[in-house]
Amino acid sequence: MDSDLYLLAWSKLQEAAFLWLSDVPLSVSAREELQGLMQRISPSQLAAIGARLRPLLSDSEHVQNFIESVLAPRSQTC
């Protein structure tokens, strides 16, 4: 079951990364789903996902920026 969660998180993050690289904003529901998945996977699985994202996003700084943008609370507009 744990590996299913990892694969789901990886799939959703990979999809979000392609959108992020294309400057397409994530929908609120997609962001909330990703945040929920990220909170449920283990730290070692999160590290593995970061390592898998590195080639996709070109370097660790981009990975960090992407993860922060996914995990950041959505901005509140008035």
PDB file of N, CA and C in Angstrom:
ATOM      1  N   MET A   1       0.830  -1.199   0.000  1.00  0.00           N
ATOM      2  CA  MET A   1       0.000   0.000   0.000  1.00  0.00           C
ATOM      3  C   MET A   1       0.870   1.257   0.000  1.00  0.00           C
ATOM      4  N   ASP A   2       1.969   1.206   0.762  1.00  0.00           N
ATOM      5  CA  ASP A   2       2.863   2.353   0.843  1.00  0.00           C
ATOM      6  C   ASP A   2       3.468   2.688  -0.518  1.00  0.00           C
ATOM      7  N   SER A   3       3.791   1.657  -1.290  1.00  0.00           N
ATOM      8  CA  SER A   3       4.370   1.913  -2.613  1.00  0.00           C
ATOM      9  C   SER A   3       3.323   2.490  -3.565  1.00  0.00           C
ATOM     10  N   ASP A   4       2.059   2.113  -3.386  1.00  0.00           N
ATOM     11  CA  ASP A   4       0.996   2.698  -4.209  1.00  0.00           C
ATOM     12  C   ASP A   4       0.885   4.195  -3.963  1.00  0.00           C
ATOM     13  N   LEU A   5       0.992   4.595  -2.708  1.00  0.00           N
ATOM     14  CA  LEU A   5       0.937   6.010  -2.350  1.00  0.00           C
ATOM     15  C   LEU A   5       2.120   6.757  -2.966  1.00  0.00           C
ATOM     16  N   TYR A   6       3.305   6.147  -2.902  1.00  0.00           N
ATOM     17  CA  TYR A   6       4.496   6.746  -3.496  1.00  0.00           C
ATOM     18  C   TYR A   6       4.307   6.931  -5.003  1.00  0.00           C
ATOM     19  N   LEU A   7       3.817   5.894  -5.670  1.00  0.00           N
ATOM     20  CA  LEU A   7       3.623   5.979  -7.124  1.00  0.00           C
ATOM     21  C   LEU A   7       2.579   7.023  -7.494  1.00  0.00           C
ATOM     22  N   LEU A   8       1.525   7.119  -6.703  1.00  0.00           N
ATOM     23  CA  LEU A   8       0.509   8.140  -6.952  1.00  0.00           C
ATOM     24  C   LEU A   8       1.104   9.534  -6.766  1.00  0.00           C
ATOM     25  N   ALA A   9       1.855   9.723  -5.677  1.00  0.00           N
ATOM     26  CA  ALA A   9       2.489  11.024  -5.429  1.00  0.00           C
ATOM     27  C   ALA A   9       3.461  11.363  -6.554  1.00  0.00           C
ATOM     28  N   TRP A  10       4.269  10.390  -6.983  1.00  0.00           N
ATOM     29  CA  TRP A  10       5.225  10.629  -8.061  1.00  0.00           C
ATOM     30  C   TRP A  10       4.502  11.017  -9.344  1.00  0.00           C
ATOM     31  N   SER A  11       3.446  10.315  -9.670  1.00  0.00           N
ATOM     32  CA  SER A  11       2.686  10.603 -10.884  1.00  0.00           C
ATOM     33  C   SER A  11       2.110  12.017 -10.854  1.00  0.00           C
ATOM     34  N   LYS A  12       1.500  12.379  -9.737  1.00  0.00           N
ATOM     35  CA  LYS A  12       0.892  13.706  -9.608  1.00  0.00           C
ATOM     36  C   LYS A  12       1.958  14.800  -9.615  1.00  0.00           C
ATOM     37  N   LEU A  13       3.092  14.556  -8.958  1.00  0.00           N
ATOM     38  CA  LEU A  13       4.163  15.557  -8.946  1.00  0.00           C
ATOM     39  C   LEU A  13       4.799  15.708 -10.316  1.00  0.00           C
ATOM     40  N   GLN A  14       4.941  14.613 -11.027  1.00  0.00           N
ATOM     41  CA  GLN A  14       5.509  14.689 -12.374  1.00  0.00           C
ATOM     42  C   GLN A  14       4.599  15.522 -13.279  1.00  0.00           C
ATOM     43  N   GLU A  15       3.317  15.284 -13.182  1.00  0.00           N
ATOM     44  CA  GLU A  15       2.343  16.062 -13.957  1.00  0.00           C
ATOM     45  C   GLU A  15       2.420  17.544 -13.578  1.00  0.00           C
ATOM     46  N   ALA A  16       2.478  17.818 -12.279  1.00  0.00           N
ATOM     47  CA  ALA A  16       2.568  19.203 -11.812  1.00  0.00           C
ATOM     48  C   ALA A  16       3.872  19.855 -12.260  1.00  0.00           C
ATOM     49  N   ALA A  17       4.955  19.085 -12.297  1.00  0.00           N
ATOM     50  CA  ALA A  17       6.246  19.631 -12.721  1.00  0.00           C
ATOM     51  C   ALA A  17       6.200  20.075 -14.180  1.00  0.00           C
ATOM     52  N   PHE A  18       5.565  19.287 -15.021  1.00  0.00           N
ATOM     53  CA  PHE A  18       5.448  19.686 -16.427  1.00  0.00           C
ATOM     54  C   PHE A  18       4.633  20.972 -16.562  1.00  0.00           C
ATOM     55  N   LEU A  19       3.566  21.082 -15.785  1.00  0.00           N
ATOM     56  CA  LEU A  19       2.781  22.320 -15.804  1.00  0.00           C
ATOM     57  C   LEU A  19       3.623  23.486 -15.304  1.00  0.00           C
ATOM     58  N   TRP A  20       4.359  23.262 -14.211  1.00  0.00           N
ATOM     59  CA  TRP A  20       5.187  24.308 -13.609  1.00  0.00           C
ATOM     60  C   TRP A  20       6.252  24.783 -14.600  1.00  0.00           C
ATOM     61  N   LEU A  21       6.877  23.829 -15.295  1.00  0.00           N
ATOM     62  CA  LEU A  21       7.891  24.189 -16.289  1.00  0.00           C
ATOM     63  C   LEU A  21       7.294  24.978 -17.444  1.00  0.00           C
ATOM     64  N   SER A  22       6.016  24.778 -17.696  1.00  0.00           N
ATOM     65  CA  SER A  22       5.325  25.492 -18.777  1.00  0.00           C
ATOM     66  C   SER A  22       4.664  26.775 -18.286  1.00  0.00           C
ATOM     67  N   ASP A  23       4.946  27.152 -17.041  1.00  0.00           N
ATOM     68  CA  ASP A  23       4.349  28.346 -16.426  1.00  0.00           C
ATOM     69  C   ASP A  23       2.826  28.288 -16.403  1.00  0.00           C
ATOM     70  N   VAL A  24       2.294  27.083 -16.249  1.00  0.00           N
ATOM     71  CA  VAL A  24       0.847  26.906 -16.116  1.00  0.00           C
ATOM     72  C   VAL A  24       0.555  26.736 -14.626  1.00  0.00           C
ATOM     73  N   PRO A  25      -0.271  27.608 -14.063  1.00  0.00           N
ATOM     74  CA  PRO A  25      -0.535  27.487 -12.629  1.00  0.00           C
ATOM     75  C   PRO A  25      -1.340  26.232 -12.304  1.00  0.00           C
ATOM     76  N   LEU A  26      -1.040  25.655 -11.153  1.00  0.00           N
ATOM     77  CA  LEU A  26      -1.803  24.499 -10.682  1.00  0.00           C
ATOM     78  C   LEU A  26      -3.173  24.947 -10.217  1.00  0.00           C
ATOM     79  N   SER A  27      -4.161  24.133 -10.463  1.00  0.00           N
ATOM     80  CA  SER A  27      -5.491  24.448  -9.938  1.00  0.00           C
ATOM     81  C   SER A  27      -5.466  24.270  -8.420  1.00  0.00           C
ATOM     82  N   VAL A  28      -6.399  24.903  -7.755  1.00  0.00           N
ATOM     83  CA  VAL A  28      -6.475  24.807  -6.299  1.00  0.00           C
ATOM     84  C   VAL A  28      -6.678  23.352  -5.883  1.00  0.00           C
ATOM     85  N   SER A  29      -7.543  22.641  -6.574  1.00  0.00           N
ATOM     86  CA  SER A  29      -7.802  21.244  -6.202  1.00  0.00           C
ATOM     87  C   SER A  29      -6.566  20.368  -6.415  1.00  0.00           C
ATOM     88  N   ALA A  30      -5.821  20.596  -7.496  1.00  0.00           N
ATOM     89  CA  ALA A  30      -4.599  19.827  -7.747  1.00  0.00           C
ATOM     90  C   ALA A  30      -3.558  20.124  -6.681  1.00  0.00           C
ATOM     91  N   ARG A  31      -3.426  21.396  -6.302  1.00  0.00           N
ATOM     92  CA  ARG A  31      -2.469  21.782  -5.261  1.00  0.00           C
ATOM     93  C   ARG A  31      -2.839  21.124  -3.930  1.00  0.00           C
ATOM     94  N   GLU A  32      -4.114  21.152  -3.579  1.00  0.00           N
ATOM     95  CA  GLU A  32      -4.553  20.558  -2.314  1.00  0.00           C
ATOM     96  C   GLU A  32      -4.345  19.044  -2.315  1.00  0.00           C
ATOM     97  N   GLU A  33      -4.605  18.407  -3.460  1.00  0.00           N
ATOM     98  CA  GLU A  33      -4.378  16.966  -3.560  1.00  0.00           C
ATOM     99  C   GLU A  33      -2.896  16.641  -3.380  1.00  0.00           C
ATOM    100  N   LEU A  34      -2.032  17.415  -4.035  1.00  0.00           N
ATOM    101  CA  LEU A  34      -0.593  17.195  -3.901  1.00  0.00           C
ATOM    102  C   LEU A  34      -0.126  17.429  -2.474  1.00  0.00           C
ATOM    103  N   GLN A  35      -0.618  18.482  -1.846  1.00  0.00           N
ATOM    104  CA  GLN A  35      -0.224  18.761  -0.470  1.00  0.00           C
ATOM    105  C   GLN A  35      -0.612  17.605   0.445  1.00  0.00           C
ATOM    106  N   GLY A  36      -1.806  17.058   0.243  1.00  0.00           N
ATOM    107  CA  GLY A  36      -2.245  15.917   1.042  1.00  0.00           C
ATOM    108  C   GLY A  36      -1.366  14.697   0.826  1.00  0.00           C
ATOM    109  N   LEU A  37      -1.026  14.431  -0.433  1.00  0.00           N
ATOM    110  CA  LEU A  37      -0.158  13.293  -0.736  1.00  0.00           C
ATOM    111  C   LEU A  37       1.229  13.484  -0.143  1.00  0.00           C
ATOM    112  N   MET A  38       1.775  14.682  -0.261  1.00  0.00           N
ATOM    113  CA  MET A  38       3.116  14.954   0.240  1.00  0.00           C
ATOM    114  C   MET A  38       3.182  14.774   1.757  1.00  0.00           C
ATOM    115  N   GLN A  39       2.099  15.075   2.445  1.00  0.00           N
ATOM    116  CA  GLN A  39       2.078  14.917   3.898  1.00  0.00           C
ATOM    117  C   GLN A  39       1.972  13.453   4.305  1.00  0.00           C
ATOM    118  N   ARG A  40       1.478  12.611   3.414  1.00  0.00           N
ATOM    119  CA  ARG A  40       1.257  11.199   3.747  1.00  0.00           C
ATOM    120  C   ARG A  40       2.443  10.301   3.411  1.00  0.00           C
ATOM    121  N   ILE A  41       3.357  10.755   2.557  1.00  0.00           N
ATOM    122  CA  ILE A  41       4.493   9.899   2.214  1.00  0.00           C
ATOM    123  C   ILE A  41       5.623  10.114   3.212  1.00  0.00           C
ATOM    124  N   SER A  42       6.458   9.113   3.337  1.00  0.00           N
ATOM    125  CA  SER A  42       7.551   9.158   4.312  1.00  0.00           C
ATOM    126  C   SER A  42       8.657  10.103   3.836  1.00  0.00           C
ATOM    127  N   PRO A  43       9.492  10.566   4.781  1.00  0.00           N
ATOM    128  CA  PRO A  43      10.618  11.432   4.391  1.00  0.00           C
ATOM    129  C   PRO A  43      11.549  10.766   3.376  1.00  0.00           C
ATOM    130  N   SER A  44      11.767   9.461   3.508  1.00  0.00           N
ATOM    131  CA  SER A  44      12.650   8.791   2.543  1.00  0.00           C
ATOM    132  C   SER A  44      12.009   8.745   1.156  1.00  0.00           C
ATOM    133  N   GLN A  45      10.688   8.578   1.108  1.00  0.00           N
ATOM    134  CA  GLN A  45       9.999   8.600  -0.181  1.00  0.00           C
ATOM    135  C   GLN A  45      10.034  10.002  -0.779  1.00  0.00           C
ATOM    136  N   LEU A  46       9.899  11.009   0.064  1.00  0.00           N
ATOM    137  CA  LEU A  46       9.972  12.392  -0.401  1.00  0.00           C
ATOM    138  C   LEU A  46      11.355  12.682  -0.978  1.00  0.00           C
ATOM    139  N   ALA A  47      12.396  12.192  -0.311  1.00  0.00           N
ATOM    140  CA  ALA A  47      13.763  12.370  -0.817  1.00  0.00           C
ATOM    141  C   ALA A  47      13.936  11.660  -2.162  1.00  0.00           C
ATOM    142  N   ALA A  48      13.349  10.475  -2.288  1.00  0.00           N
ATOM    143  CA  ALA A  48      13.438   9.735  -3.551  1.00  0.00           C
ATOM    144  C   ALA A  48      12.735  10.488  -4.671  1.00  0.00           C
ATOM    145  N   ILE A  49      11.598  11.080  -4.356  1.00  0.00           N
ATOM    146  CA  ILE A  49      10.881  11.871  -5.360  1.00  0.00           C
ATOM    147  C   ILE A  49      11.718  13.077  -5.769  1.00  0.00           C
ATOM    148  N   GLY A  50      12.345  13.738  -4.802  1.00  0.00           N
ATOM    149  CA  GLY A  50      13.217  14.874  -5.112  1.00  0.00           C
ATOM    150  C   GLY A  50      14.338  14.469  -6.049  1.00  0.00           C
ATOM    151  N   ALA A  51      14.918  13.304  -5.801  1.00  0.00           N
ATOM    152  CA  ALA A  51      15.998  12.814  -6.661  1.00  0.00           C
ATOM    153  C   ALA A  51      15.481  12.515  -8.069  1.00  0.00           C
ATOM    154  N   ARG A  52      14.267  11.992  -8.167  1.00  0.00           N
ATOM    155  CA  ARG A  52      13.691  11.689  -9.483  1.00  0.00           C
ATOM    156  C   ARG A  52      13.295  12.963 -10.227  1.00  0.00           C
ATOM    157  N   LEU A  53      12.953  14.005  -9.485  1.00  0.00           N
ATOM    158  CA  LEU A  53      12.570  15.265 -10.128  1.00  0.00           C
ATOM    159  C   LEU A  53      13.778  16.039 -10.646  1.00  0.00           C
ATOM    160  N   ARG A  54      14.951  15.823 -10.050  1.00  0.00           N
ATOM    161  CA  ARG A  54      16.135  16.606 -10.406  1.00  0.00           C
ATOM    162  C   ARG A  54      16.426  16.592 -11.904  1.00  0.00           C
ATOM    163  N   PRO A  55      16.473  15.436 -12.575  1.00  0.00           N
ATOM    164  CA  PRO A  55      16.740  15.470 -14.024  1.00  0.00           C
ATOM    165  C   PRO A  55      15.627  16.165 -14.811  1.00  0.00           C
ATOM    166  N   LEU A  56      14.412  16.018 -14.337  1.00  0.00           N
ATOM    167  CA  LEU A  56      13.271  16.626 -15.013  1.00  0.00           C
ATOM    168  C   LEU A  56      13.315  18.151 -14.907  1.00  0.00           C
ATOM    169  N   LEU A  57      13.703  18.643 -13.742  1.00  0.00           N
ATOM    170  CA  LEU A  57      13.694  20.088 -13.497  1.00  0.00           C
ATOM    171  C   LEU A  57      15.080  20.712 -13.630  1.00  0.00           C
ATOM    172  N   SER A  58      16.059  19.966 -14.044  1.00  0.00           N
ATOM    173  CA  SER A  58      17.415  20.380 -14.393  1.00  0.00           C
ATOM    174  C   SER A  58      18.384  20.563 -13.240  1.00  0.00           C
ATOM    175  N   ASP A  59      17.969  20.999 -12.083  1.00  0.00           N
ATOM    176  CA  ASP A  59      18.909  21.084 -10.960  1.00  0.00           C
ATOM    177  C   ASP A  59      18.162  21.155  -9.633  1.00  0.00           C
ATOM    178  N   SER A  60      18.931  21.021  -8.535  1.00  0.00           N
ATOM    179  CA  SER A  60      18.281  20.974  -7.228  1.00  0.00           C
ATOM    180  C   SER A  60      17.602  22.270  -6.842  1.00  0.00           C
ATOM    181  N   GLU A  61      18.086  23.397  -7.336  1.00  0.00           N
ATOM    182  CA  GLU A  61      17.421  24.665  -7.014  1.00  0.00           C
ATOM    183  C   GLU A  61      16.015  24.695  -7.618  1.00  0.00           C
ATOM    184  N   HIS A  62      15.896  24.227  -8.846  1.00  0.00           N
ATOM    185  CA  HIS A  62      14.572  24.164  -9.466  1.00  0.00           C
ATOM    186  C   HIS A  62      13.661  23.192  -8.719  1.00  0.00           C
ATOM    187  N   VAL A  63      14.216  22.067  -8.264  1.00  0.00           N
ATOM    188  CA  VAL A  63      13.425  21.103  -7.495  1.00  0.00           C
ATOM    189  C   VAL A  63      12.921  21.767  -6.224  1.00  0.00           C
ATOM    190  N   GLN A  64      13.811  22.470  -5.525  1.00  0.00           N
ATOM    191  CA  GLN A  64      13.420  23.147  -4.287  1.00  0.00           C
ATOM    192  C   GLN A  64      12.337  24.188  -4.564  1.00  0.00           C
ATOM    193  N   ASN A  65      12.509  24.985  -5.596  1.00  0.00           N
ATOM    194  CA  ASN A  65      11.501  25.997  -5.944  1.00  0.00           C
ATOM    195  C   ASN A  65      10.164  25.352  -6.291  1.00  0.00           C
ATOM    196  N   PHE A  66      10.218  24.243  -7.025  1.00  0.00           N
ATOM    197  CA  PHE A  66       8.991  23.546  -7.398  1.00  0.00           C
ATOM    198  C   PHE A  66       8.286  22.994  -6.161  1.00  0.00           C
ATOM    199  N   ILE A  67       9.038  22.312  -5.297  1.00  0.00           N
ATOM    200  CA  ILE A  67       8.443  21.732  -4.087  1.00  0.00           C
ATOM    201  C   ILE A  67       7.840  22.833  -3.226  1.00  0.00           C
ATOM    202  N   GLU A  68       8.548  23.945  -3.081  1.00  0.00           N
ATOM    203  CA  GLU A  68       8.012  25.058  -2.291  1.00  0.00           C
ATOM    204  C   GLU A  68       6.740  25.609  -2.918  1.00  0.00           C
ATOM    205  N   SER A  69       6.698  25.680  -4.241  1.00  0.00           N
ATOM    206  CA  SER A  69       5.494  26.215  -4.882  1.00  0.00           C
ATOM    207  C   SER A  69       4.317  25.261  -4.732  1.00  0.00           C
ATOM    208  N   VAL A  70       4.591  23.965  -4.703  1.00  0.00           N
ATOM    209  CA  VAL A  70       3.524  22.979  -4.518  1.00  0.00           C
ATOM    210  C   VAL A  70       3.032  22.992  -3.077  1.00  0.00           C
ATOM    211  N   LEU A  71       3.968  23.079  -2.138  1.00  0.00           N
ATOM    212  CA  LEU A  71       3.597  22.985  -0.727  1.00  0.00           C
ATOM    213  C   LEU A  71       3.170  24.311  -0.126  1.00  0.00           C
ATOM    214  N   ALA A  72       3.481  25.407  -0.814  1.00  0.00           N
ATOM    215  CA  ALA A  72       3.113  26.723  -0.272  1.00  0.00           C
ATOM    216  C   ALA A  72       1.601  26.859  -0.228  1.00  0.00           C
ATOM    217  N   PRO A  73       1.103  27.462   0.832  1.00  0.00           N
ATOM    218  CA  PRO A  73      -0.345  27.680   0.861  1.00  0.00           C
ATOM    219  C   PRO A  73      -0.737  28.620  -0.269  1.00  0.00           C
ATOM    220  N   ARG A  74      -1.894  28.397  -0.810  1.00  0.00           N
ATOM    221  CA  ARG A  74      -2.317  29.258  -1.923  1.00  0.00           C
ATOM    222  C   ARG A  74      -2.495  30.679  -1.414  1.00  0.00           C
ATOM    223  N   SER A  75      -2.166  31.610  -2.270  1.00  0.00           N
ATOM    224  CA  SER A  75      -2.276  33.011  -1.862  1.00  0.00           C
ATOM    225  C   SER A  75      -3.738  33.410  -1.794  1.00  0.00           C
ATOM    226  N   GLN A  76      -4.031  34.238  -0.859  1.00  0.00           N
ATOM    227  CA  GLN A  76      -5.405  34.707  -0.688  1.00  0.00           C
ATOM    228  C   GLN A  76      -5.525  36.050  -1.388  1.00  0.00           C
ATOM    229  N   THR A  77      -6.463  36.145  -2.298  1.00  0.00           N
ATOM    230  CA  THR A  77      -6.685  37.411  -2.992  1.00  0.00           C
ATOM    231  C   THR A  77      -7.980  38.020  -2.501  1.00  0.00           C
ATOM    232  N   CYS A  78      -7.985  39.321  -2.422  1.00  0.00           N
ATOM    233  CA  CYS A  78      -9.175  40.029  -1.935  1.00  0.00           C
ATOM    234  C   CYS A  78     -10.029  40.479  -3.089  1.00  0.00           C
TER     235      CYS A  78
END
